[in-house]
Amino acid sequence: MTLVKICGINDAAGFDAVAEAGADMVGLVFYPPSPRAVTAAEAAALSARVQGGPMRVGLFVDPTDAELEAVLAALPLGMIQLHGAESPARCAAIRARFGLPVMKAVGVGDPRDLEGLAFYTPTVDRFLLDAKPPPDSDLPGGNATAFDWSLTAGRTIPRPWLLAGGLTPETVAEAIRQSGAPGVDVSSGVERSRG
């Protein structure tokens, strides 16, 4: 079975749909520039709608410890997703301090980008391989763009991983076939409108 994460949920209807559809993970974005961002209080209210259900994953971009503490005081998370320029050392520090698994997002544009995974392998539990954002984007992900899925085909990724970037109901099966991804993360591809 392919693991499914739906990210950027910021309203009750979306949260309920993710839970009812049986997604494995739901992503809550704690990055204010994103059109999908939620506050800790909003995320707590959404999470409280369903007992159990998908793992709650908090998406952060270069967070301070205080930002992480504020969110974790409001709601329990099952995993912390780091989608910024966090170093391997910072990933390790977050993982140790908060006692939660860490998923590191890595922007992929060419094969060299995958070589850097080795530096993060000792410090993270999972990778999210996303398309590198366009040069004019102020968002590190969720830009509805895909990378060349064949870059991961047959390649050993040193941690469990999810494929992200430009996935839609029409393209996801082909993306999994080409990339060999054991899981997918979709956001803009299942929105009716941006955010």
C-alpha atoms as a PDB file:
ATOM      1  CA  MET A   1       0.000   0.000   0.000  1.00  0.00           C
ATOM      2  CA  THR A   2       1.200   3.491  -0.844  1.00  0.00           C
ATOM      3  CA  LEU A   3       1.345   5.832   2.139  1.00  0.00           C
ATOM      4  CA  VAL A   4      -0.733   8.989   1.560  1.00  0.00           C
ATOM      5  CA  LYS A   5      -0.230  12.401   3.166  1.00  0.00           C
ATOM      6  CA  ILE A   6      -2.557  15.297   2.418  1.00  0.00           C
ATOM      7  CA  CYS A   7      -0.904  18.573   3.380  1.00  0.00           C
ATOM      8  CA  GLY A   8      -2.045  22.126   3.924  1.00  0.00           C
ATOM      9  CA  ILE A   9      -5.400  21.378   5.500  1.00  0.00           C
ATOM     10  CA  ASN A  10      -6.788  24.562   7.030  1.00  0.00           C
ATOM     11  CA  ASP A  11     -10.546  24.128   7.339  1.00  0.00           C
ATOM     12  CA  ALA A  12     -13.034  21.718   8.878  1.00  0.00           C
ATOM     13  CA  ALA A  13     -14.375  20.376   5.580  1.00  0.00           C
ATOM     14  CA  GLY A  14     -10.874  19.564   4.373  1.00  0.00           C
ATOM     15  CA  PHE A  15      -9.868  17.920   7.634  1.00  0.00           C
ATOM     16  CA  ASP A  16     -13.027  15.811   7.677  1.00  0.00           C
ATOM     17  CA  ALA A  17     -12.487  14.773   4.045  1.00  0.00           C
ATOM     18  CA  VAL A  18      -8.899  13.690   4.737  1.00  0.00           C
ATOM     19  CA  ALA A  19      -9.992  11.639   7.743  1.00  0.00           C
ATOM     20  CA  GLU A  20     -12.946  10.064   5.925  1.00  0.00           C
ATOM     21  CA  ALA A  21     -10.809   9.186   2.914  1.00  0.00           C
ATOM     22  CA  GLY A  22      -8.412   7.248   5.147  1.00  0.00           C
ATOM     23  CA  ALA A  23      -5.231   9.225   4.514  1.00  0.00           C
ATOM     24  CA  ASP A  24      -2.277   8.090   6.615  1.00  0.00           C
ATOM     25  CA  MET A  25      -1.064  11.599   7.453  1.00  0.00           C
ATOM     26  CA  VAL A  26      -2.523  15.104   7.496  1.00  0.00           C
ATOM     27  CA  GLY A  27      -0.185  18.067   7.173  1.00  0.00           C
ATOM     28  CA  LEU A  28      -0.761  21.269   9.127  1.00  0.00           C
ATOM     29  CA  VAL A  29       1.276  24.205   7.854  1.00  0.00           C
ATOM     30  CA  PHE A  30       2.781  26.519  10.473  1.00  0.00           C
ATOM     31  CA  TYR A  31       4.385  28.923   7.998  1.00  0.00           C
ATOM     32  CA  PRO A  32       2.458  32.219   7.777  1.00  0.00           C
ATOM     33  CA  PRO A  33       3.426  33.130   4.175  1.00  0.00           C
ATOM     34  CA  SER A  34       1.657  29.986   2.943  1.00  0.00           C
ATOM     35  CA  PRO A  35      -1.955  30.328   1.790  1.00  0.00           C
ATOM     36  CA  ARG A  36      -2.519  27.057   3.692  1.00  0.00           C
ATOM     37  CA  ALA A  37      -1.126  28.267   7.019  1.00  0.00           C
ATOM     38  CA  VAL A  38      -2.901  27.695  10.325  1.00  0.00           C
ATOM     39  CA  THR A  39      -2.242  28.955  13.818  1.00  0.00           C
ATOM     40  CA  ALA A  40      -1.657  26.555  16.677  1.00  0.00           C
ATOM     41  CA  ALA A  41      -5.166  27.242  17.973  1.00  0.00           C
ATOM     42  CA  GLU A  42      -6.741  26.640  14.560  1.00  0.00           C
ATOM     43  CA  ALA A  43      -4.790  23.404  14.144  1.00  0.00           C
ATOM     44  CA  ALA A  44      -5.832  22.218  17.609  1.00  0.00           C
ATOM     45  CA  ALA A  45      -9.496  22.838  16.772  1.00  0.00           C
ATOM     46  CA  LEU A  46      -9.169  20.944  13.484  1.00  0.00           C
ATOM     47  CA  SER A  47      -7.330  18.049  15.107  1.00  0.00           C
ATOM     48  CA  ALA A  48      -9.981  17.753  17.817  1.00  0.00           C
ATOM     49  CA  ARG A  49     -12.641  17.042  15.162  1.00  0.00           C
ATOM     50  CA  VAL A  50     -11.466  13.424  14.796  1.00  0.00           C
ATOM     51  CA  GLN A  51     -10.141  11.108  17.467  1.00  0.00           C
ATOM     52  CA  GLY A  52      -7.428   8.929  15.995  1.00  0.00           C
ATOM     53  CA  GLY A  53      -7.372   9.057  12.230  1.00  0.00           C
ATOM     54  CA  PRO A  54      -4.406  10.326  10.252  1.00  0.00           C
ATOM     55  CA  MET A  55      -1.112  11.178  11.929  1.00  0.00           C
ATOM     56  CA  ARG A  56      -0.870  14.940  12.472  1.00  0.00           C
ATOM     57  CA  VAL A  57       2.300  16.282  10.853  1.00  0.00           C
ATOM     58  CA  GLY A  58       3.379  19.833  11.592  1.00  0.00           C
ATOM     59  CA  LEU A  59       5.130  21.569   8.695  1.00  0.00           C
ATOM     60  CA  PHE A  60       7.639  24.228   9.749  1.00  0.00           C
ATOM     61  CA  VAL A  61      10.164  26.339   7.856  1.00  0.00           C
ATOM     62  CA  ASP A  62      13.351  27.078   9.827  1.00  0.00           C
ATOM     63  CA  PRO A  63      11.458  27.121  13.152  1.00  0.00           C
ATOM     64  CA  THR A  64      12.807  28.338  16.450  1.00  0.00           C
ATOM     65  CA  ASP A  65      12.416  26.124  19.498  1.00  0.00           C
ATOM     66  CA  ALA A  66       9.870  28.611  20.832  1.00  0.00           C
ATOM     67  CA  GLU A  67       7.729  28.257  17.696  1.00  0.00           C
ATOM     68  CA  LEU A  68       7.791  24.478  17.984  1.00  0.00           C
ATOM     69  CA  GLU A  69       6.999  24.625  21.705  1.00  0.00           C
ATOM     70  CA  ALA A  70       3.986  26.882  21.098  1.00  0.00           C
ATOM     71  CA  VAL A  71       2.467  24.490  18.580  1.00  0.00           C
ATOM     72  CA  LEU A  72       3.180  21.387  20.653  1.00  0.00           C
ATOM     73  CA  ALA A  73       1.599  23.032  23.691  1.00  0.00           C
ATOM     74  CA  ALA A  74      -1.621  23.434  21.684  1.00  0.00           C
ATOM     75  CA  LEU A  75      -1.837  19.996  20.065  1.00  0.00           C
ATOM     76  CA  PRO A  76       0.073  16.751  19.876  1.00  0.00           C
ATOM     77  CA  LEU A  77       1.892  16.053  16.637  1.00  0.00           C
ATOM     78  CA  GLY A  78       3.047  12.670  15.412  1.00  0.00           C
ATOM     79  CA  MET A  79       5.879  14.098  13.318  1.00  0.00           C
ATOM     80  CA  ILE A  80       7.689  17.360  12.620  1.00  0.00           C
ATOM     81  CA  GLN A  81       8.278  18.198   8.950  1.00  0.00           C
ATOM     82  CA  LEU A  82      11.110  20.623   8.273  1.00  0.00           C
ATOM     83  CA  HIS A  83      10.756  22.369   4.941  1.00  0.00           C
ATOM     84  CA  GLY A  84      13.399  25.091   5.168  1.00  0.00           C
ATOM     85  CA  ALA A  85      17.185  25.293   5.123  1.00  0.00           C
ATOM     86  CA  GLU A  86      17.603  23.322   8.352  1.00  0.00           C
ATOM     87  CA  SER A  87      21.036  21.714   8.635  1.00  0.00           C
ATOM     88  CA  PRO A  88      21.535  18.086   9.649  1.00  0.00           C
ATOM     89  CA  ALA A  89      22.644  19.351  13.078  1.00  0.00           C
ATOM     90  CA  ARG A  90      19.467  21.405  13.483  1.00  0.00           C
ATOM     91  CA  CYS A  91      17.327  18.413  12.482  1.00  0.00           C
ATOM     92  CA  ALA A  92      19.104  16.298  15.083  1.00  0.00           C
ATOM     93  CA  ALA A  93      18.634  18.961  17.750  1.00  0.00           C
ATOM     94  CA  ILE A  94      14.894  19.243  17.063  1.00  0.00           C
ATOM     95  CA  ARG A  95      14.490  15.482  17.055  1.00  0.00           C
ATOM     96  CA  ALA A  96      16.334  15.139  20.377  1.00  0.00           C
ATOM     97  CA  ARG A  97      14.662  18.078  22.117  1.00  0.00           C
ATOM     98  CA  PHE A  98      11.064  17.300  21.165  1.00  0.00           C
ATOM     99  CA  GLY A  99      11.237  13.501  21.024  1.00  0.00           C
ATOM    100  CA  LEU A 100       9.326  13.293  17.744  1.00  0.00           C
ATOM    101  CA  PRO A 101      10.262  11.809  14.387  1.00  0.00           C
ATOM    102  CA  VAL A 102      11.535  14.369  11.888  1.00  0.00           C
ATOM    103  CA  MET A 103      10.805  14.429   8.168  1.00  0.00           C
ATOM    104  CA  LYS A 104      13.165  16.611   6.133  1.00  0.00           C
ATOM    105  CA  ALA A 105      11.938  18.075   2.862  1.00  0.00           C
ATOM    106  CA  VAL A 106      14.558  18.220   0.141  1.00  0.00           C
ATOM    107  CA  GLY A 107      14.121  20.163  -3.089  1.00  0.00           C
ATOM    108  CA  VAL A 108      15.049  18.101  -6.143  1.00  0.00           C
ATOM    109  CA  GLY A 109      15.960  19.538  -9.505  1.00  0.00           C
ATOM    110  CA  ASP A 110      18.727  17.208 -10.675  1.00  0.00           C
ATOM    111  CA  PRO A 111      20.568  14.066  -9.476  1.00  0.00           C
ATOM    112  CA  ARG A 112      23.067  16.080  -7.393  1.00  0.00           C
ATOM    113  CA  ASP A 113      20.268  17.103  -5.042  1.00  0.00           C
ATOM    114  CA  LEU A 114      19.756  13.468  -4.053  1.00  0.00           C
ATOM    115  CA  GLU A 115      23.421  13.072  -3.100  1.00  0.00           C
ATOM    116  CA  GLY A 116      22.881  15.409  -0.136  1.00  0.00           C
ATOM    117  CA  LEU A 117      20.479  12.950   1.501  1.00  0.00           C
ATOM    118  CA  ALA A 118      23.427  11.079   3.003  1.00  0.00           C
ATOM    119  CA  PHE A 119      24.237  14.042   5.260  1.00  0.00           C
ATOM    120  CA  TYR A 120      20.733  13.991   6.753  1.00  0.00           C
ATOM    121  CA  THR A 121      20.315  10.222   7.045  1.00  0.00           C
ATOM    122  CA  PRO A 122      21.634   9.950  10.645  1.00  0.00           C
ATOM    123  CA  THR A 123      19.470  12.842  11.858  1.00  0.00           C
ATOM    124  CA  VAL A 124      16.022  12.323  10.307  1.00  0.00           C
ATOM    125  CA  ASP A 125      13.413   9.578  10.153  1.00  0.00           C
ATOM    126  CA  ARG A 126      11.899  10.273   6.750  1.00  0.00           C
ATOM    127  CA  PHE A 127      12.474  12.347   3.627  1.00  0.00           C
ATOM    128  CA  LEU A 128      10.023  14.330   1.561  1.00  0.00           C
ATOM    129  CA  LEU A 129      11.360  14.731  -1.969  1.00  0.00           C
ATOM    130  CA  ASP A 130       9.737  17.797  -3.495  1.00  0.00           C
ATOM    131  CA  ALA A 131      10.373  19.843  -6.602  1.00  0.00           C
ATOM    132  CA  LYS A 132      12.749  22.740  -6.105  1.00  0.00           C
ATOM    133  CA  PRO A 133      10.654  25.886  -5.950  1.00  0.00           C
ATOM    134  CA  PRO A 134      10.692  28.218  -8.945  1.00  0.00           C
ATOM    135  CA  PRO A 135      13.179  31.097  -8.549  1.00  0.00           C
ATOM    136  CA  ASP A 136      10.373  33.651  -8.094  1.00  0.00           C
ATOM    137  CA  SER A 137       8.532  31.653  -5.394  1.00  0.00           C
ATOM    138  CA  ASP A 138       8.462  32.741  -1.767  1.00  0.00           C
ATOM    139  CA  LEU A 139       7.302  29.253  -0.714  1.00  0.00           C
ATOM    140  CA  PRO A 140       9.670  26.300  -0.259  1.00  0.00           C
ATOM    141  CA  GLY A 141       6.965  23.853  -1.393  1.00  0.00           C
ATOM    142  CA  GLY A 142       3.324  23.607  -2.408  1.00  0.00           C
ATOM    143  CA  ASN A 143       4.041  25.261  -5.742  1.00  0.00           C
ATOM    144  CA  ALA A 144       2.244  22.700  -7.953  1.00  0.00           C
ATOM    145  CA  THR A 145       5.440  21.834  -9.815  1.00  0.00           C
ATOM    146  CA  ALA A 146       6.959  18.395 -10.324  1.00  0.00           C
ATOM    147  CA  PHE A 147      10.539  17.259 -10.742  1.00  0.00           C
ATOM    148  CA  ASP A 148      11.710  14.499 -13.095  1.00  0.00           C
ATOM    149  CA  TRP A 149      10.287  11.450 -11.338  1.00  0.00           C
ATOM    150  CA  SER A 150      12.740   9.124 -13.062  1.00  0.00           C
ATOM    151  CA  LEU A 151      15.535  10.610 -10.920  1.00  0.00           C
ATOM    152  CA  THR A 152      14.489   8.371  -8.016  1.00  0.00           C
ATOM    153  CA  ALA A 153      13.685   5.263 -10.061  1.00  0.00           C
ATOM    154  CA  GLY A 154      15.813   2.347  -8.900  1.00  0.00           C
ATOM    155  CA  ARG A 155      17.738   4.584  -6.514  1.00  0.00           C
ATOM    156  CA  THR A 156      18.153   3.626  -2.876  1.00  0.00           C
ATOM    157  CA  ILE A 157      16.801   6.423  -0.697  1.00  0.00           C
ATOM    158  CA  PRO A 158      18.359   5.928   2.753  1.00  0.00           C
ATOM    159  CA  ARG A 159      15.167   6.561   4.750  1.00  0.00           C
ATOM    160  CA  PRO A 160      11.453   6.021   4.117  1.00  0.00           C
ATOM    161  CA  TRP A 161      10.279   8.788   1.810  1.00  0.00           C
ATOM    162  CA  LEU A 162       7.360  10.565   0.238  1.00  0.00           C
ATOM    163  CA  LEU A 163       7.138  12.053  -3.233  1.00  0.00           C
ATOM    164  CA  ALA A 164       5.713  15.575  -3.489  1.00  0.00           C
ATOM    165  CA  GLY A 165       5.346  18.283  -6.083  1.00  0.00           C
ATOM    166  CA  GLY A 166       2.744  18.703  -8.785  1.00  0.00           C
ATOM    167  CA  LEU A 167       0.770  15.569  -7.922  1.00  0.00           C
ATOM    168  CA  THR A 168      -2.886  15.423  -8.916  1.00  0.00           C
ATOM    169  CA  PRO A 169      -5.474  12.624  -9.065  1.00  0.00           C
ATOM    170  CA  GLU A 170      -4.646  12.370 -12.777  1.00  0.00           C
ATOM    171  CA  THR A 171      -0.847  12.112 -12.376  1.00  0.00           C
ATOM    172  CA  VAL A 172      -0.274  10.328  -9.070  1.00  0.00           C
ATOM    173  CA  ALA A 173      -0.381   6.754 -10.394  1.00  0.00           C
ATOM    174  CA  GLU A 174       2.165   7.548 -13.095  1.00  0.00           C
ATOM    175  CA  ALA A 175       4.319   9.447 -10.596  1.00  0.00           C
ATOM    176  CA  ILE A 176       4.430   6.406  -8.305  1.00  0.00           C
ATOM    177  CA  ARG A 177       5.191   4.106 -11.243  1.00  0.00           C
ATOM    178  CA  GLN A 178       8.031   6.265 -12.567  1.00  0.00           C
ATOM    179  CA  SER A 179       9.582   7.253  -9.249  1.00  0.00           C
ATOM    180  CA  GLY A 180       9.142   4.066  -7.237  1.00  0.00           C
ATOM    181  CA  ALA A 181       7.834   6.197  -4.360  1.00  0.00           C
ATOM    182  CA  PRO A 182       6.518   4.263  -1.360  1.00  0.00           C
ATOM    183  CA  GLY A 183       4.345   7.246  -0.417  1.00  0.00           C
ATOM    184  CA  VAL A 184       2.990  10.533  -1.736  1.00  0.00           C
ATOM    185  CA  ASP A 185       2.298  13.968  -0.315  1.00  0.00           C
ATOM    186  CA  VAL A 186      -0.261  16.108  -2.111  1.00  0.00           C
ATOM    187  CA  SER A 187      -1.424  19.632  -1.427  1.00  0.00           C
ATOM    188  CA  SER A 188      -2.263  21.973  -4.303  1.00  0.00           C
ATOM    189  CA  GLY A 189      -3.245  19.060  -6.526  1.00  0.00           C
ATOM    190  CA  VAL A 190      -6.385  18.381  -4.492  1.00  0.00           C
ATOM    191  CA  GLU A 191      -7.458  21.985  -3.869  1.00  0.00           C
ATOM    192  CA  ARG A 192     -10.497  23.580  -5.462  1.00  0.00           C
ATOM    193  CA  SER A 193      -8.701  26.921  -5.263  1.00  0.00           C
ATOM    194  CA  ARG A 194      -5.276  28.004  -3.977  1.00  0.00           C
ATOM    195  CA  GLY A 195      -5.074  27.575  -0.223  1.00  0.00           C
END
